[in-house]
Structure formats: C-alpha cells, structure tokens
Amino acid sequence: MTETGGSARPTRRVELTLRRPWFALYAGIRPTLVIGGRGQPTQWGVGTWQLPDDEDAALAVFLFSRGWRFGDAEAAIPAGDRRAWEYRAPALPFGRGRLRPTGGTAASDSGEAR
C-alpha cells in the first residue's frame, strides 16, 4: 500500500498550444514534447502538462519524420511559473520552431488561493 500523505511534491499545470503553419511542405507529422528528458508524442492544438512546482522544468518540442528531425525549440520554465506557452512549427521541413510564453500569469501574480 502506498502513502498519499505529506510526502507528495507540489505540482502545477502548464498550458501549451502547439501550432502548425497553415501551409507546410510536410503532412501527417505530429510533434514530440520532451519534459525532463522524457519524450512523449502529442497532437496539434491546446494541451496541459503537469510540472513540478518547486523546481525549474526543461521543455522541448521537435518534429520527426522518416529519420529527419526538425523544428526543435527549447525553453526553461522557472519554478512556480504558470504562464501559457506556444510552440510554432516551421513551414519547411528544416529549421527551428519557436517556443515562447504567450500570457497567463507568472509565479508572482498567480492570484490563486492556497
């Protein structure tokens, strides 16, 4: 039996919007999200991911097709930061993507009741 008491780490939810260009020279490719060194396939659109609240989190996104990796983008999300983030994929199957905060609230002005 596992304990669910006071040893649980505090977590936060971060919203990430994955956008593909309206015109791209590739089709059927889905992004891969890497959080803390662990990759997970995702889909285009809005999603939320759980991150530790008491430490910085490394976030990376890339696209992969038939041995070709492109659209890499990375960001470090500071501890307690709850802003929404956005990834924009490149229109061509080479080059880098963009990952940046789009709004929401930073840790100092989160306004959440605790």
PDB file of N, CA and C in Angstrom:
ATOM      1  N   MET A   1       0.845  -1.173   0.000  1.00  0.00           N
ATOM      2  CA  MET A   1       0.000   0.000   0.000  1.00  0.00           C
ATOM      3  C   MET A   1       0.892   1.238   0.000  1.00  0.00           C
ATOM      4  N   THR A   2       0.557   2.229  -0.810  1.00  0.00           N
ATOM      5  CA  THR A   2       1.379   3.439  -0.899  1.00  0.00           C
ATOM      6  C   THR A   2       0.812   4.539  -0.032  1.00  0.00           C
ATOM      7  N   GLU A   3       1.710   5.402   0.402  1.00  0.00           N
ATOM      8  CA  GLU A   3       1.303   6.548   1.210  1.00  0.00           C
ATOM      9  C   GLU A   3       0.889   7.693   0.318  1.00  0.00           C
ATOM     10  N   THR A   4      -0.169   8.369   0.664  1.00  0.00           N
ATOM     11  CA  THR A   4      -0.595   9.545  -0.090  1.00  0.00           C
ATOM     12  C   THR A   4      -0.519  10.783   0.784  1.00  0.00           C
ATOM     13  N   GLY A   5       0.183  10.675   1.891  1.00  0.00           N
ATOM     14  CA  GLY A   5       0.259  11.772   2.852  1.00  0.00           C
ATOM     15  C   GLY A   5       1.128  12.928   2.412  1.00  0.00           C
ATOM     16  N   GLY A   6       1.781  13.576   3.370  1.00  0.00           N
ATOM     17  CA  GLY A   6       2.504  14.819   3.166  1.00  0.00           C
ATOM     18  C   GLY A   6       3.762  14.732   2.331  1.00  0.00           C
ATOM     19  N   SER A   7       4.157  13.579   1.831  1.00  0.00           N
ATOM     20  CA  SER A   7       5.389  13.479   1.059  1.00  0.00           C
ATOM     21  C   SER A   7       5.205  13.802  -0.425  1.00  0.00           C
ATOM     22  N   ALA A   8       3.999  14.090  -0.862  1.00  0.00           N
ATOM     23  CA  ALA A   8       3.749  14.404  -2.270  1.00  0.00           C
ATOM     24  C   ALA A   8       4.337  15.771  -2.624  1.00  0.00           C
ATOM     25  N   ARG A   9       4.965  15.830  -3.797  1.00  0.00           N
ATOM     26  CA  ARG A   9       5.563  17.080  -4.252  1.00  0.00           C
ATOM     27  C   ARG A   9       4.486  17.987  -4.831  1.00  0.00           C
ATOM     28  N   PRO A  10       4.604  19.299  -4.640  1.00  0.00           N
ATOM     29  CA  PRO A  10       3.630  20.220  -5.233  1.00  0.00           C
ATOM     30  C   PRO A  10       3.812  20.268  -6.754  1.00  0.00           C
ATOM     31  N   THR A  11       2.717  20.330  -7.469  1.00  0.00           N
ATOM     32  CA  THR A  11       2.762  20.375  -8.922  1.00  0.00           C
ATOM     33  C   THR A  11       1.953  21.550  -9.450  1.00  0.00           C
ATOM     34  N   ARG A  12       2.128  21.826 -10.722  1.00  0.00           N
ATOM     35  CA  ARG A  12       1.385  22.884 -11.406  1.00  0.00           C
ATOM     36  C   ARG A  12       1.022  22.381 -12.790  1.00  0.00           C
ATOM     37  N   ARG A  13       0.011  22.970 -13.384  1.00  0.00           N
ATOM     38  CA  ARG A  13      -0.397  22.645 -14.743  1.00  0.00           C
ATOM     39  C   ARG A  13       0.008  23.801 -15.643  1.00  0.00           C
ATOM     40  N   VAL A  14       0.655  23.484 -16.760  1.00  0.00           N
ATOM     41  CA  VAL A  14       1.080  24.496 -17.719  1.00  0.00           C
ATOM     42  C   VAL A  14       0.393  24.205 -19.043  1.00  0.00           C
ATOM     43  N   GLU A  15      -0.217  25.231 -19.625  1.00  0.00           N
ATOM     44  CA  GLU A  15      -0.898  25.082 -20.904  1.00  0.00           C
ATOM     45  C   GLU A  15       0.091  25.329 -22.038  1.00  0.00           C
ATOM     46  N   LEU A  16       0.077  24.443 -23.026  1.00  0.00           N
ATOM     47  CA  LEU A  16       0.948  24.569 -24.192  1.00  0.00           C
ATOM     48  C   LEU A  16       0.106  24.429 -25.445  1.00  0.00           C
ATOM     49  N   THR A  17       0.194  25.424 -26.320  1.00  0.00           N
ATOM     50  CA  THR A  17      -0.502  25.392 -27.600  1.00  0.00           C
ATOM     51  C   THR A  17       0.514  25.044 -28.675  1.00  0.00           C
ATOM     52  N   LEU A  18       0.268  23.971 -29.405  1.00  0.00           N
ATOM     53  CA  LEU A  18       1.150  23.534 -30.485  1.00  0.00           C
ATOM     54  C   LEU A  18       0.509  23.913 -31.809  1.00  0.00           C
ATOM     55  N   ARG A  19       1.148  24.836 -32.519  1.00  0.00           N
ATOM     56  CA  ARG A  19       0.579  25.356 -33.773  1.00  0.00           C
ATOM     57  C   ARG A  19       1.424  24.918 -34.966  1.00  0.00           C
ATOM     58  N   ARG A  20       0.730  24.433 -35.978  1.00  0.00           N
ATOM     59  CA  ARG A  20       1.408  24.159 -37.237  1.00  0.00           C
ATOM     60  C   ARG A  20       1.040  25.282 -38.212  1.00  0.00           C
ATOM     61  N   PRO A  21       1.881  25.548 -39.190  1.00  0.00           N
ATOM     62  CA  PRO A  21       1.563  26.617 -40.144  1.00  0.00           C
ATOM     63  C   PRO A  21       0.385  26.224 -41.038  1.00  0.00           C
ATOM     64  N   TRP A  22      -0.343  27.207 -41.526  1.00  0.00           N
ATOM     65  CA  TRP A  22      -1.493  26.910 -42.366  1.00  0.00           C
ATOM     66  C   TRP A  22      -1.059  26.279 -43.683  1.00  0.00           C
ATOM     67  N   PHE A  23       0.178  26.585 -44.103  1.00  0.00           N
ATOM     68  CA  PHE A  23       0.746  25.952 -45.293  1.00  0.00           C
ATOM     69  C   PHE A  23       2.111  25.393 -44.925  1.00  0.00           C
ATOM     70  N   ALA A  24       2.279  24.099 -45.043  1.00  0.00           N
ATOM     71  CA  ALA A  24       3.548  23.463 -44.710  1.00  0.00           C
ATOM     72  C   ALA A  24       3.903  22.438 -45.790  1.00  0.00           C
ATOM     73  N   LEU A  25       5.184  22.257 -46.010  1.00  0.00           N
ATOM     74  CA  LEU A  25       5.637  21.294 -47.004  1.00  0.00           C
ATOM     75  C   LEU A  25       5.853  19.911 -46.394  1.00  0.00           C
ATOM     76  N   TYR A  26       5.040  19.574 -45.425  1.00  0.00           N
ATOM     77  CA  TYR A  26       5.034  18.250 -44.828  1.00  0.00           C
ATOM     78  C   TYR A  26       3.621  17.983 -44.321  1.00  0.00           C
ATOM     79  N   ALA A  27       3.258  16.718 -44.264  1.00  0.00           N
ATOM     80  CA  ALA A  27       1.905  16.364 -43.823  1.00  0.00           C
ATOM     81  C   ALA A  27       1.968  15.132 -42.931  1.00  0.00           C
ATOM     82  N   GLY A  28       1.023  15.020 -42.030  1.00  0.00           N
ATOM     83  CA  GLY A  28       0.910  13.845 -41.184  1.00  0.00           C
ATOM     84  C   GLY A  28       1.957  13.736 -40.098  1.00  0.00           C
ATOM     85  N   ILE A  29       2.652  14.806 -39.813  1.00  0.00           N
ATOM     86  CA  ILE A  29       3.691  14.788 -38.775  1.00  0.00           C
ATOM     87  C   ILE A  29       3.117  15.392 -37.506  1.00  0.00           C
ATOM     88  N   ARG A  30       3.332  14.699 -36.401  1.00  0.00           N
ATOM     89  CA  ARG A  30       2.883  15.199 -35.100  1.00  0.00           C
ATOM     90  C   ARG A  30       4.094  15.576 -34.267  1.00  0.00           C
ATOM     91  N   PRO A  31       3.930  16.560 -33.395  1.00  0.00           N
ATOM     92  CA  PRO A  31       5.060  16.992 -32.561  1.00  0.00           C
ATOM     93  C   PRO A  31       5.357  15.999 -31.434  1.00  0.00           C
ATOM     94  N   THR A  32       6.584  16.059 -30.962  1.00  0.00           N
ATOM     95  CA  THR A  32       7.006  15.303 -29.788  1.00  0.00           C
ATOM     96  C   THR A  32       7.406  16.299 -28.720  1.00  0.00           C
ATOM     97  N   LEU A  33       6.878  16.141 -27.530  1.00  0.00           N
ATOM     98  CA  LEU A  33       7.157  17.018 -26.403  1.00  0.00           C
ATOM     99  C   LEU A  33       8.093  16.297 -25.446  1.00  0.00           C
ATOM    100  N   VAL A  34       9.147  16.987 -25.003  1.00  0.00           N
ATOM    101  CA  VAL A  34      10.103  16.409 -24.061  1.00  0.00           C
ATOM    102  C   VAL A  34      10.062  17.234 -22.784  1.00  0.00           C
ATOM    103  N   ILE A  35       9.709  16.591 -21.678  1.00  0.00           N
ATOM    104  CA  ILE A  35       9.677  17.246 -20.364  1.00  0.00           C
ATOM    105  C   ILE A  35      10.598  16.466 -19.452  1.00  0.00           C
ATOM    106  N   GLY A  36      11.612  17.140 -18.933  1.00  0.00           N
ATOM    107  CA  GLY A  36      12.544  16.493 -18.013  1.00  0.00           C
ATOM    108  C   GLY A  36      13.256  15.298 -18.622  1.00  0.00           C
ATOM    109  N   GLY A  37      13.563  15.344 -19.917  1.00  0.00           N
ATOM    110  CA  GLY A  37      14.272  14.258 -20.564  1.00  0.00           C
ATOM    111  C   GLY A  37      13.406  13.114 -21.058  1.00  0.00           C
ATOM    112  N   ARG A  38      12.111  13.170 -20.826  1.00  0.00           N
ATOM    113  CA  ARG A  38      11.197  12.096 -21.253  1.00  0.00           C
ATOM    114  C   ARG A  38      10.315  12.591 -22.396  1.00  0.00           C
ATOM    115  N   GLY A  39      10.464  11.966 -23.562  1.00  0.00           N
ATOM    116  CA  GLY A  39       9.692  12.351 -24.738  1.00  0.00           C
ATOM    117  C   GLY A  39       8.331  11.690 -24.769  1.00  0.00           C
ATOM    118  N   GLN A  40       7.361  12.418 -25.299  1.00  0.00           N
ATOM    119  CA  GLN A  40       6.021  11.869 -25.439  1.00  0.00           C
ATOM    120  C   GLN A  40       5.370  12.460 -26.679  1.00  0.00           C
ATOM    121  N   PRO A  41       4.804  11.618 -27.536  1.00  0.00           N
ATOM    122  CA  PRO A  41       4.133  12.136 -28.725  1.00  0.00           C
ATOM    123  C   PRO A  41       2.885  12.912 -28.324  1.00  0.00           C
ATOM    124  N   THR A  42       2.622  13.984 -29.032  1.00  0.00           N
ATOM    125  CA  THR A  42       1.457  14.819 -28.739  1.00  0.00           C
ATOM    126  C   THR A  42       0.688  15.076 -30.028  1.00  0.00           C
ATOM    127  N   GLN A  43      -0.325  15.893 -29.933  1.00  0.00           N
ATOM    128  CA  GLN A  43      -1.073  16.287 -31.120  1.00  0.00           C
ATOM    129  C   GLN A  43      -1.145  17.804 -31.180  1.00  0.00           C
ATOM    130  N   TRP A  44      -1.450  18.318 -32.350  1.00  0.00           N
ATOM    131  CA  TRP A  44      -1.546  19.755 -32.539  1.00  0.00           C
ATOM    132  C   TRP A  44      -2.724  20.302 -31.751  1.00  0.00           C
ATOM    133  N   GLY A  45      -2.599  21.518 -31.260  1.00  0.00           N
ATOM    134  CA  GLY A  45      -3.678  22.154 -30.522  1.00  0.00           C
ATOM    135  C   GLY A  45      -3.261  22.489 -29.101  1.00  0.00           C
ATOM    136  N   VAL A  46      -4.256  22.681 -28.249  1.00  0.00           N
ATOM    137  CA  VAL A  46      -4.031  23.102 -26.873  1.00  0.00           C
ATOM    138  C   VAL A  46      -4.025  21.879 -25.962  1.00  0.00           C
ATOM    139  N   GLY A  47      -3.071  21.850 -25.040  1.00  0.00           N
ATOM    140  CA  GLY A  47      -2.997  20.784 -24.053  1.00  0.00           C
ATOM    141  C   GLY A  47      -2.389  21.317 -22.772  1.00  0.00           C
ATOM    142  N   THR A  48      -2.538  20.574 -21.691  1.00  0.00           N
ATOM    143  CA  THR A  48      -1.914  20.960 -20.424  1.00  0.00           C
ATOM    144  C   THR A  48      -1.033  19.820 -19.943  1.00  0.00           C
ATOM    145  N   TRP A  49       0.066  20.186 -19.296  1.00  0.00           N
ATOM    146  CA  TRP A  49       1.003  19.210 -18.770  1.00  0.00           C
ATOM    147  C   TRP A  49       1.333  19.545 -17.335  1.00  0.00           C
ATOM    148  N   GLN A  50       1.562  18.503 -16.561  1.00  0.00           N
ATOM    149  CA  GLN A  50       1.869  18.655 -15.153  1.00  0.00           C
ATOM    150  C   GLN A  50       3.377  18.744 -14.957  1.00  0.00           C
ATOM    151  N   LEU A  51       3.816  19.782 -14.237  1.00  0.00           N
ATOM    152  CA  LEU A  51       5.230  20.010 -13.953  1.00  0.00           C
ATOM    153  C   LEU A  51       5.420  20.170 -12.449  1.00  0.00           C
ATOM    154  N   PRO A  52       6.618  19.891 -11.945  1.00  0.00           N
ATOM    155  CA  PRO A  52       6.867  20.149 -10.516  1.00  0.00           C
ATOM    156  C   PRO A  52       6.821  21.649 -10.245  1.00  0.00           C
ATOM    157  N   ASP A  53       6.214  22.034  -9.135  1.00  0.00           N
ATOM    158  CA  ASP A  53       6.042  23.451  -8.811  1.00  0.00           C
ATOM    159  C   ASP A  53       7.256  24.039  -8.087  1.00  0.00           C
ATOM    160  N   ASP A  54       8.082  23.193  -7.495  1.00  0.00           N
ATOM    161  CA  ASP A  54       9.177  23.685  -6.670  1.00  0.00           C
ATOM    162  C   ASP A  54      10.537  23.671  -7.358  1.00  0.00           C
ATOM    163  N   GLU A  55      10.587  23.392  -8.670  1.00  0.00           N
ATOM    164  CA  GLU A  55      11.858  23.411  -9.389  1.00  0.00           C
ATOM    165  C   GLU A  55      11.642  23.795 -10.850  1.00  0.00           C
ATOM    166  N   ASP A  56      12.711  24.273 -11.497  1.00  0.00           N
ATOM    167  CA  ASP A  56      12.643  24.630 -12.912  1.00  0.00           C
ATOM    168  C   ASP A  56      12.377  23.384 -13.749  1.00  0.00           C
ATOM    169  N   ALA A  57      11.720  23.570 -14.876  1.00  0.00           N
ATOM    170  CA  ALA A  57      11.417  22.453 -15.772  1.00  0.00           C
ATOM    171  C   ALA A  57      11.932  22.769 -17.164  1.00  0.00           C
ATOM    172  N   ALA A  58      12.584  21.794 -17.787  1.00  0.00           N
ATOM    173  CA  ALA A  58      13.054  21.938 -19.159  1.00  0.00           C
ATOM    174  C   ALA A  58      11.976  21.396 -20.094  1.00  0.00           C
ATOM    175  N   LEU A  59      11.616  22.205 -21.081  1.00  0.00           N
ATOM    176  CA  LEU A  59      10.570  21.852 -22.033  1.00  0.00           C
ATOM    177  C   LEU A  59      11.166  21.945 -23.429  1.00  0.00           C
ATOM    178  N   ALA A  60      10.972  20.928 -24.249  1.00  0.00           N
ATOM    179  CA  ALA A  60      11.466  20.926 -25.623  1.00  0.00           C
ATOM    180  C   ALA A  60      10.413  20.309 -26.528  1.00  0.00           C
ATOM    181  N   VAL A  61      10.346  20.783 -27.764  1.00  0.00           N
ATOM    182  CA  VAL A  61       9.414  20.257 -28.758  1.00  0.00           C
ATOM    183  C   VAL A  61      10.198  20.064 -30.051  1.00  0.00           C
ATOM    184  N   PHE A  62       9.905  18.975 -30.770  1.00  0.00           N
ATOM    185  CA  PHE A  62      10.501  18.772 -32.090  1.00  0.00           C
ATOM    186  C   PHE A  62       9.553  17.963 -32.952  1.00  0.00           C
ATOM    187  N   LEU A  63       9.814  17.973 -34.254  1.00  0.00           N
ATOM    188  CA  LEU A  63       9.049  17.200 -35.229  1.00  0.00           C
ATOM    189  C   LEU A  63       9.976  16.133 -35.796  1.00  0.00           C
ATOM    190  N   PHE A  64       9.423  14.971 -36.131  1.00  0.00           N
ATOM    191  CA  PHE A  64      10.233  13.857 -36.610  1.00  0.00           C
ATOM    192  C   PHE A  64       9.489  13.127 -37.720  1.00  0.00           C
ATOM    193  N   SER A  65      10.189  12.903 -38.838  1.00  0.00           N
ATOM    194  CA  SER A  65       9.582  12.177 -39.948  1.00  0.00           C
ATOM    195  C   SER A  65      10.635  11.390 -40.704  1.00  0.00           C
ATOM    196  N   ARG A  66      10.493  10.081 -40.724  1.00  0.00           N
ATOM    197  CA  ARG A  66      11.353   9.195 -41.508  1.00  0.00           C
ATOM    198  C   ARG A  66      12.837   9.481 -41.306  1.00  0.00           C
ATOM    199  N   GLY A  67      13.256   9.561 -40.062  1.00  0.00           N
ATOM    200  CA  GLY A  67      14.663   9.782 -39.756  1.00  0.00           C
ATOM    201  C   GLY A  67      15.109  11.227 -39.818  1.00  0.00           C
ATOM    202  N   TRP A  68      14.190  12.129 -40.080  1.00  0.00           N
ATOM    203  CA  TRP A  68      14.506  13.543 -40.206  1.00  0.00           C
ATOM    204  C   TRP A  68      13.885  14.300 -39.036  1.00  0.00           C
ATOM    205  N   ARG A  69      14.741  14.897 -38.206  1.00  0.00           N
ATOM    206  CA  ARG A  69      14.265  15.662 -37.056  1.00  0.00           C
ATOM    207  C   ARG A  69      14.431  17.144 -37.356  1.00  0.00           C
ATOM    208  N   PHE A  70      13.384  17.918 -37.139  1.00  0.00           N
ATOM    209  CA  PHE A  70      13.427  19.354 -37.408  1.00  0.00           C
ATOM    210  C   PHE A  70      12.446  20.079 -36.497  1.00  0.00           C
ATOM    211  N   GLY A  71      12.466  21.395 -36.557  1.00  0.00           N
ATOM    212  CA  GLY A  71      11.537  22.199 -35.764  1.00  0.00           C
ATOM    213  C   GLY A  71      11.845  22.228 -34.283  1.00  0.00           C
ATOM    214  N   ASP A  72      13.120  21.996 -33.906  1.00  0.00           N
ATOM    215  CA  ASP A  72      13.499  21.976 -32.483  1.00  0.00           C
ATOM    216  C   ASP A  72      13.283  23.339 -31.826  1.00  0.00           C
ATOM    217  N   ALA A  73      12.779  23.322 -30.615  1.00  0.00           N
ATOM    218  CA  ALA A  73      12.644  24.518 -29.783  1.00  0.00           C
ATOM    219  C   ALA A  73      12.714  24.081 -28.322  1.00  0.00           C
ATOM    220  N   GLU A  74      13.407  24.875 -27.510  1.00  0.00           N
ATOM    221  CA  GLU A  74      13.570  24.561 -26.087  1.00  0.00           C
ATOM    222  C   GLU A  74      13.304  25.788 -25.236  1.00  0.00           C
ATOM    223  N   ALA A  75      12.885  25.541 -24.004  1.00  0.00           N
ATOM    224  CA  ALA A  75      12.681  26.620 -23.029  1.00  0.00           C
ATOM    225  C   ALA A  75      12.821  26.051 -21.628  1.00  0.00           C
ATOM    226  N   ALA A  76      13.291  26.889 -20.717  1.00  0.00           N
ATOM    227  CA  ALA A  76      13.343  26.535 -19.298  1.00  0.00           C
ATOM    228  C   ALA A  76      12.230  27.308 -18.607  1.00  0.00           C
ATOM    229  N   ILE A  77      11.337  26.587 -17.955  1.00  0.00           N
ATOM    230  CA  ILE A  77      10.218  27.225 -17.263  1.00  0.00           C
ATOM    231  C   ILE A  77      10.585  27.318 -15.785  1.00  0.00           C
ATOM    232  N   PRO A  78      10.681  28.542 -15.260  1.00  0.00           N
ATOM    233  CA  PRO A  78      11.075  28.702 -13.851  1.00  0.00           C
ATOM    234  C   PRO A  78      10.067  28.086 -12.888  1.00  0.00           C
ATOM    235  N   ALA A  79      10.543  27.756 -11.717  1.00  0.00           N
ATOM    236  CA  ALA A  79       9.682  27.184 -10.679  1.00  0.00           C
ATOM    237  C   ALA A  79       8.531  28.136 -10.362  1.00  0.00           C
ATOM    238  N   GLY A  80       7.332  27.607 -10.279  1.00  0.00           N
ATOM    239  CA  GLY A  80       6.160  28.398  -9.940  1.00  0.00           C
ATOM    240  C   GLY A  80       5.539  29.159 -11.094  1.00  0.00           C
ATOM    241  N   ASP A  81       6.174  29.186 -12.251  1.00  0.00           N
ATOM    242  CA  ASP A  81       5.657  29.930 -13.408  1.00  0.00           C
ATOM    243  C   ASP A  81       4.476  29.169 -14.001  1.00  0.00           C
ATOM    244  N   ARG A  82       3.325  29.837 -14.119  1.00  0.00           N
ATOM    245  CA  ARG A  82       2.116  29.197 -14.631  1.00  0.00           C
ATOM    246  C   ARG A  82       1.616  29.831 -15.926  1.00  0.00           C
ATOM    247  N   ARG A  83       2.494  30.538 -16.626  1.00  0.00           N
ATOM    248  CA  ARG A  83       2.088  31.169 -17.881  1.00  0.00           C
ATOM    249  C   ARG A  83       1.781  30.123 -18.944  1.00  0.00           C
ATOM    250  N   ALA A  84       0.952  30.501 -19.902  1.00  0.00           N
ATOM    251  CA  ALA A  84       0.682  29.652 -21.061  1.00  0.00           C
ATOM    252  C   ALA A  84       1.853  29.795 -22.037  1.00  0.00           C
ATOM    253  N   TRP A  85       2.151  28.716 -22.769  1.00  0.00           N
ATOM    254  CA  TRP A  85       3.254  28.699 -23.725  1.00  0.00           C
ATOM    255  C   TRP A  85       2.727  28.319 -25.096  1.00  0.00           C
ATOM    256  N   GLU A  86       3.476  28.724 -26.133  1.00  0.00           N
ATOM    257  CA  GLU A  86       3.073  28.424 -27.503  1.00  0.00           C
ATOM    258  C   GLU A  86       4.279  27.959 -28.315  1.00  0.00           C
ATOM    259  N   TYR A  87       4.086  26.864 -29.063  1.00  0.00           N
ATOM    260  CA  TYR A  87       5.097  26.373 -29.985  1.00  0.00           C
ATOM    261  C   TYR A  87       4.583  26.607 -31.397  1.00  0.00           C
ATOM    262  N   ARG A  88       5.431  27.172 -32.241  1.00  0.00           N
ATOM    263  CA  ARG A  88       5.099  27.362 -33.651  1.00  0.00           C
ATOM    264  C   ARG A  88       6.089  26.587 -34.500  1.00  0.00           C
ATOM    265  N   ALA A  89       5.566  25.698 -35.308  1.00  0.00           N
ATOM    266  CA  ALA A  89       6.396  24.865 -36.170  1.00  0.00           C
ATOM    267  C   ALA A  89       6.821  25.638 -37.412  1.00  0.00           C
ATOM    268  N   PRO A  90       7.971  25.277 -37.998  1.00  0.00           N
ATOM    269  CA  PRO A  90       8.392  25.930 -39.238  1.00  0.00           C
ATOM    270  C   PRO A  90       7.543  25.450 -40.420  1.00  0.00           C
ATOM    271  N   ALA A  91       7.472  26.260 -41.477  1.00  0.00           N
ATOM    272  CA  ALA A  91       6.697  25.885 -42.662  1.00  0.00           C
ATOM    273  C   ALA A  91       7.445  24.888 -43.534  1.00  0.00           C
ATOM    274  N   LEU A  92       8.770  24.877 -43.454  1.00  0.00           N
ATOM    275  CA  LEU A  92       9.586  23.966 -44.242  1.00  0.00           C
ATOM    276  C   LEU A  92      10.143  22.864 -43.343  1.00  0.00           C
ATOM    277  N   PRO A  93      10.405  21.684 -43.898  1.00  0.00           N
ATOM    278  CA  PRO A  93      10.881  20.567 -43.067  1.00  0.00           C
ATOM    279  C   PRO A  93      12.360  20.665 -42.693  1.00  0.00           C
ATOM    280  N   PHE A  94      12.775  21.830 -42.307  1.00  0.00           N
ATOM    281  CA  PHE A  94      14.099  22.072 -41.741  1.00  0.00           C
ATOM    282  C   PHE A  94      14.015  23.387 -40.980  1.00  0.00           C
ATOM    283  N   GLY A  95      15.006  23.692 -40.219  1.00  0.00           N
ATOM    284  CA  GLY A  95      14.960  24.910 -39.414  1.00  0.00           C
ATOM    285  C   GLY A  95      14.385  24.647 -38.033  1.00  0.00           C
ATOM    286  N   ARG A  96      14.306  25.709 -37.264  1.00  0.00           N
ATOM    287  CA  ARG A  96      13.866  25.628 -35.876  1.00  0.00           C
ATOM    288  C   ARG A  96      12.433  26.118 -35.717  1.00  0.00           C
ATOM    289  N   GLY A  97      11.790  25.615 -34.678  1.00  0.00           N
ATOM    290  CA  GLY A  97      10.483  26.114 -34.288  1.00  0.00           C
ATOM    291  C   GLY A  97      10.664  27.206 -33.246  1.00  0.00           C
ATOM    292  N   ARG A  98       9.570  27.779 -32.774  1.00  0.00           N
ATOM    293  CA  ARG A  98       9.618  28.814 -31.733  1.00  0.00           C
ATOM    294  C   ARG A  98       8.776  28.381 -30.549  1.00  0.00           C
ATOM    295  N   LEU A  99       9.332  28.530 -29.365  1.00  0.00           N
ATOM    296  CA  LEU A  99       8.636  28.207 -28.121  1.00  0.00           C
ATOM    297  C   LEU A  99       8.760  29.409 -27.215  1.00  0.00           C
ATOM    298  N   ARG A 100       7.605  30.000 -26.856  1.00  0.00           N
ATOM    299  CA  ARG A 100       7.636  31.219 -26.040  1.00  0.00           C
ATOM    300  C   ARG A 100       6.381  31.322 -25.185  1.00  0.00           C
ATOM    301  N   PRO A 101       6.487  32.084 -24.091  1.00  0.00           N
ATOM    302  CA  PRO A 101       5.290  32.305 -23.268  1.00  0.00           C
ATOM    303  C   PRO A 101       4.326  33.232 -24.000  1.00  0.00           C
ATOM    304  N   THR A 102       3.039  32.975 -23.848  1.00  0.00           N
ATOM    305  CA  THR A 102       2.047  33.786 -24.549  1.00  0.00           C
ATOM    306  C   THR A 102       1.183  34.611 -23.616  1.00  0.00           C
ATOM    307  N   GLY A 103       1.271  34.403 -22.350  1.00  0.00           N
ATOM    308  CA  GLY A 103       0.430  35.158 -21.434  1.00  0.00           C
ATOM    309  C   GLY A 103       0.190  34.363 -20.179  1.00  0.00           C
ATOM    310  N   GLY A 104      -0.980  34.494 -19.654  1.00  0.00           N
ATOM    311  CA  GLY A 104      -1.278  33.821 -18.395  1.00  0.00           C
ATOM    312  C   GLY A 104      -0.656  34.595 -17.251  1.00  0.00           C
ATOM    313  N   THR A 105      -0.239  33.890 -16.223  1.00  0.00           N
ATOM    314  CA  THR A 105       0.305  34.550 -15.049  1.00  0.00           C
ATOM    315  C   THR A 105       1.651  33.973 -14.679  1.00  0.00           C
ATOM    316  N   ALA A 106       2.547  34.828 -14.255  1.00  0.00           N
ATOM    317  CA  ALA A 106       3.839  34.381 -13.733  1.00  0.00           C
ATOM    318  C   ALA A 106       3.660  33.998 -12.273  1.00  0.00           C
ATOM    319  N   ALA A 107       4.702  33.495 -11.650  1.00  0.00           N
ATOM    320  CA  ALA A 107       4.607  32.997 -10.277  1.00  0.00           C
ATOM    321  C   ALA A 107       4.234  34.097  -9.295  1.00  0.00           C
ATOM    322  N   SER A 108       4.715  35.303  -9.507  1.00  0.00           N
ATOM    323  CA  SER A 108       4.485  36.365  -8.533  1.00  0.00           C
ATOM    324  C   SER A 108       3.068  36.918  -8.552  1.00  0.00           C
ATOM    325  N   ASP A 109       2.340  36.772  -9.680  1.00  0.00           N
ATOM    326  CA  ASP A 109       0.997  37.329  -9.746  1.00  0.00           C
ATOM    327  C   ASP A 109      -0.034  36.286 -10.140  1.00  0.00           C
ATOM    328  N   SER A 110       0.125  35.074  -9.604  1.00  0.00           N
ATOM    329  CA  SER A 110      -0.759  33.981  -9.998  1.00  0.00           C
ATOM    330  C   SER A 110      -2.189  34.170  -9.498  1.00  0.00           C
ATOM    331  N   GLY A 111      -2.372  34.776  -8.353  1.00  0.00           N
ATOM    332  CA  GLY A 111      -3.702  35.060  -7.846  1.00  0.00           C
ATOM    333  C   GLY A 111      -4.471  33.838  -7.388  1.00  0.00           C
ATOM    334  N   GLU A 112      -3.825  32.710  -7.248  1.00  0.00           N
ATOM    335  CA  GLU A 112      -4.506  31.509  -6.792  1.00  0.00           C
ATOM    336  C   GLU A 112      -4.576  31.479  -5.271  1.00  0.00           C
ATOM    337  N   ALA A 113      -5.689  30.997  -4.763  1.00  0.00           N
ATOM    338  CA  ALA A 113      -5.813  30.834  -3.321  1.00  0.00           C
ATOM    339  C   ALA A 113      -5.121  29.560  -2.901  1.00  0.00           C
ATOM    340  N   ARG A 114      -4.395  29.610  -1.815  1.00  0.00           N
ATOM    341  CA  ARG A 114      -3.698  28.417  -1.346  1.00  0.00           C
ATOM    342  C   ARG A 114      -4.179  28.023   0.007  1.00  0.00           C
TER     343      ARG A 114
END
